[in-house]
Amino acid sequence: MRRFKDENLKKQTNKLEKQLSKRLGGLKQPVSGALNNKKLKGDIRIGKLKGDVKMTSKKSFTITQDMLQKISNECYLDEYPFLYIVFTNAPKVFREWAIISGDLFNEFKKWFNSR
């Protein structure tokens, strides 16, 4: 289970996850996936997409293989992992980014170009 040094940060993160899940048409996972149940892992689930939300007020954010492997391992075979990054101090156009696998990007590209 995650431990927060700052309770205000914990509240802000939970609020952000709830707002994002609602706006993106998904569900916030209970206790941000801390339960030992693969179905409930991750921060947000949107249909067959399961993701973790990361938030920073800094100008950069480092994505590690461990982060990507973690959310990928928490998905069932028919689910797709994603990482959603929010830069809280950035202009709106640069504030939110979704990181997806190359396989999912290629599926999206095919779908998008067939419209």
C-alpha atoms as a PDB file:
ATOM      1  CA  MET A   1       0.000   0.000   0.000  1.00  0.00           C
ATOM      2  CA  ARG A   2       1.254   3.484  -0.818  1.00  0.00           C
ATOM      3  CA  ARG A   3       2.426   5.652   2.042  1.00  0.00           C
ATOM      4  CA  PHE A   4       2.108   9.400   1.710  1.00  0.00           C
ATOM      5  CA  LYS A   5       4.306  11.709   3.768  1.00  0.00           C
ATOM      6  CA  ASP A   6       1.889  14.518   3.076  1.00  0.00           C
ATOM      7  CA  GLU A   7      -1.817  13.807   3.697  1.00  0.00           C
ATOM      8  CA  ASN A   8      -2.683  16.810   1.512  1.00  0.00           C
ATOM      9  CA  LEU A   9      -0.899  15.133  -1.431  1.00  0.00           C
ATOM     10  CA  LYS A  10      -2.861  11.930  -0.789  1.00  0.00           C
ATOM     11  CA  LYS A  11      -6.163  13.834  -0.857  1.00  0.00           C
ATOM     12  CA  GLN A  12      -5.120  15.739  -3.988  1.00  0.00           C
ATOM     13  CA  THR A  13      -4.110  12.501  -5.749  1.00  0.00           C
ATOM     14  CA  ASN A  14      -7.371  10.743  -4.838  1.00  0.00           C
ATOM     15  CA  LYS A  15      -9.374  13.751  -6.011  1.00  0.00           C
ATOM     16  CA  LEU A  16      -7.447  13.856  -9.307  1.00  0.00           C
ATOM     17  CA  GLU A  17      -7.963  10.105  -9.913  1.00  0.00           C
ATOM     18  CA  LYS A  18     -11.694  10.466  -9.252  1.00  0.00           C
ATOM     19  CA  GLN A  19     -12.012  13.499 -11.567  1.00  0.00           C
ATOM     20  CA  LEU A  20      -9.974  11.852 -14.339  1.00  0.00           C
ATOM     21  CA  SER A  21     -11.866   8.579 -14.194  1.00  0.00           C
ATOM     22  CA  LYS A  22     -15.184  10.436 -14.452  1.00  0.00           C
ATOM     23  CA  ARG A  23     -14.009  12.736 -17.263  1.00  0.00           C
ATOM     24  CA  LEU A  24     -12.411   9.863 -19.203  1.00  0.00           C
ATOM     25  CA  GLY A  25     -15.504   7.672 -18.842  1.00  0.00           C
ATOM     26  CA  GLY A  26     -13.954   5.124 -16.526  1.00  0.00           C
ATOM     27  CA  LEU A  27     -13.894   3.962 -12.939  1.00  0.00           C
ATOM     28  CA  LYS A  28     -11.497   4.835 -10.124  1.00  0.00           C
ATOM     29  CA  GLN A  29     -10.183   1.614  -8.677  1.00  0.00           C
ATOM     30  CA  PRO A  30     -10.895   1.118  -4.945  1.00  0.00           C
ATOM     31  CA  VAL A  31      -7.955   2.260  -2.779  1.00  0.00           C
ATOM     32  CA  SER A  32      -5.950   2.798  -5.983  1.00  0.00           C
ATOM     33  CA  GLY A  33      -5.420  -0.902  -6.541  1.00  0.00           C
ATOM     34  CA  ALA A  34      -3.866  -1.607  -3.131  1.00  0.00           C
ATOM     35  CA  LEU A  35      -6.026  -4.709  -2.667  1.00  0.00           C
ATOM     36  CA  ASN A  36      -4.472  -8.049  -3.573  1.00  0.00           C
ATOM     37  CA  ASN A  37      -6.924  -8.677  -6.417  1.00  0.00           C
ATOM     38  CA  LYS A  38      -5.697  -8.333 -10.004  1.00  0.00           C
ATOM     39  CA  LYS A  39      -9.131  -7.124 -11.138  1.00  0.00           C
ATOM     40  CA  LEU A  40      -8.853  -4.142  -8.762  1.00  0.00           C
ATOM     41  CA  LYS A  41      -5.236  -3.172  -9.514  1.00  0.00           C
ATOM     42  CA  GLY A  42      -4.263   0.113 -11.131  1.00  0.00           C
ATOM     43  CA  ASP A  43      -5.681   3.570 -10.431  1.00  0.00           C
ATOM     44  CA  ILE A  44      -8.243   3.848 -13.234  1.00  0.00           C
ATOM     45  CA  ARG A  45     -10.083   1.360 -15.432  1.00  0.00           C
ATOM     46  CA  ILE A  46     -11.735   2.506 -18.679  1.00  0.00           C
ATOM     47  CA  GLY A  47     -13.322  -0.501 -20.359  1.00  0.00           C
ATOM     48  CA  LYS A  48     -10.395  -2.712 -21.376  1.00  0.00           C
ATOM     49  CA  LEU A  49      -7.833  -0.028 -20.453  1.00  0.00           C
ATOM     50  CA  LYS A  50      -6.201  -0.163 -17.019  1.00  0.00           C
ATOM     51  CA  GLY A  51      -3.837   2.551 -15.906  1.00  0.00           C
ATOM     52  CA  ASP A  52      -1.830   4.272 -13.250  1.00  0.00           C
ATOM     53  CA  VAL A  53      -2.024   8.031 -12.717  1.00  0.00           C
ATOM     54  CA  LYS A  54       1.111  10.029 -11.913  1.00  0.00           C
ATOM     55  CA  MET A  55       1.062  13.682 -10.958  1.00  0.00           C
ATOM     56  CA  THR A  56       3.879  16.190 -10.658  1.00  0.00           C
ATOM     57  CA  SER A  57       4.289  19.931 -10.265  1.00  0.00           C
ATOM     58  CA  LYS A  58       7.789  19.714 -11.769  1.00  0.00           C
ATOM     59  CA  LYS A  59       8.754  20.309 -15.399  1.00  0.00           C
ATOM     60  CA  SER A  60       9.821  16.716 -15.960  1.00  0.00           C
ATOM     61  CA  PHE A  61       8.779  13.207 -15.032  1.00  0.00           C
ATOM     62  CA  THR A  62      10.862  10.058 -15.417  1.00  0.00           C
ATOM     63  CA  ILE A  63       9.131   6.947 -16.714  1.00  0.00           C
ATOM     64  CA  THR A  64      10.857   3.721 -15.740  1.00  0.00           C
ATOM     65  CA  GLN A  65      10.546   0.219 -17.128  1.00  0.00           C
ATOM     66  CA  ASP A  66       9.422  -0.867 -13.660  1.00  0.00           C
ATOM     67  CA  MET A  67       6.423   1.495 -13.830  1.00  0.00           C
ATOM     68  CA  LEU A  68       5.404   0.176 -17.229  1.00  0.00           C
ATOM     69  CA  GLN A  69       5.976  -3.463 -16.248  1.00  0.00           C
ATOM     70  CA  LYS A  70       3.966  -3.001 -13.051  1.00  0.00           C
ATOM     71  CA  ILE A  71       0.810  -1.785 -14.764  1.00  0.00           C
ATOM     72  CA  SER A  72       1.307  -4.235 -17.625  1.00  0.00           C
ATOM     73  CA  ASN A  73       1.571  -7.155 -15.176  1.00  0.00           C
ATOM     74  CA  GLU A  74      -1.619  -5.995 -13.450  1.00  0.00           C
ATOM     75  CA  CYS A  75      -3.625  -6.366 -16.679  1.00  0.00           C
ATOM     76  CA  TYR A  76      -5.408  -9.493 -17.815  1.00  0.00           C
ATOM     77  CA  LEU A  77      -4.680 -10.736 -21.353  1.00  0.00           C
ATOM     78  CA  ASP A  78      -7.658  -8.823 -22.773  1.00  0.00           C
ATOM     79  CA  GLU A  79      -6.728  -5.531 -21.048  1.00  0.00           C
ATOM     80  CA  TYR A  80      -4.387  -2.787 -22.215  1.00  0.00           C
ATOM     81  CA  PRO A  81      -2.108  -0.891 -19.811  1.00  0.00           C
ATOM     82  CA  PHE A  82      -1.551   2.854 -19.828  1.00  0.00           C
ATOM     83  CA  LEU A  83       0.224   5.467 -17.756  1.00  0.00           C
ATOM     84  CA  TYR A  84      -1.502   8.842 -17.365  1.00  0.00           C
ATOM     85  CA  ILE A  85       0.758  11.745 -16.403  1.00  0.00           C
ATOM     86  CA  VAL A  86      -0.508  15.100 -15.170  1.00  0.00           C
ATOM     87  CA  PHE A  87       1.810  18.123 -14.998  1.00  0.00           C
ATOM     88  CA  THR A  88      -0.121  20.294 -12.542  1.00  0.00           C
ATOM     89  CA  ASN A  89       1.806  23.527 -13.266  1.00  0.00           C
ATOM     90  CA  ALA A  90       1.802  23.270 -17.080  1.00  0.00           C
ATOM     91  CA  PRO A  91      -0.436  25.157 -19.518  1.00  0.00           C
ATOM     92  CA  LYS A  92      -3.632  23.195 -20.222  1.00  0.00           C
ATOM     93  CA  VAL A  93      -2.503  22.055 -23.691  1.00  0.00           C
ATOM     94  CA  PHE A  94       0.594  20.369 -22.173  1.00  0.00           C
ATOM     95  CA  ARG A  95      -0.927  19.255 -18.850  1.00  0.00           C
ATOM     96  CA  GLU A  96      -2.096  15.671 -19.482  1.00  0.00           C
ATOM     97  CA  TRP A  97      -0.407  12.825 -21.374  1.00  0.00           C
ATOM     98  CA  ALA A  98      -1.308   9.175 -21.846  1.00  0.00           C
ATOM     99  CA  ILE A  99       1.487   6.678 -22.402  1.00  0.00           C
ATOM    100  CA  ILE A 100       0.391   3.470 -24.165  1.00  0.00           C
ATOM    101  CA  SER A 101       2.164   0.435 -25.585  1.00  0.00           C
ATOM    102  CA  GLY A 102       3.295   0.323 -29.203  1.00  0.00           C
ATOM    103  CA  ASP A 103       0.803  -2.492 -29.887  1.00  0.00           C
ATOM    104  CA  LEU A 104      -2.101  -0.410 -28.637  1.00  0.00           C
ATOM    105  CA  PHE A 105      -0.848   2.639 -30.529  1.00  0.00           C
ATOM    106  CA  ASN A 106      -0.818   0.597 -33.765  1.00  0.00           C
ATOM    107  CA  GLU A 107      -4.406  -0.562 -33.105  1.00  0.00           C
ATOM    108  CA  PHE A 108      -5.454   3.036 -32.449  1.00  0.00           C
ATOM    109  CA  LYS A 109      -3.646   4.207 -35.599  1.00  0.00           C
ATOM    110  CA  LYS A 110      -5.471   1.611 -37.739  1.00  0.00           C
ATOM    111  CA  TRP A 111      -8.820   2.562 -36.211  1.00  0.00           C
ATOM    112  CA  PHE A 112      -8.166   6.296 -36.517  1.00  0.00           C
ATOM    113  CA  ASN A 113      -7.003   6.106 -40.142  1.00  0.00           C
ATOM    114  CA  SER A 114      -9.976   3.949 -41.185  1.00  0.00           C
ATOM    115  CA  ARG A 115     -12.496   6.648 -40.226  1.00  0.00           C
END
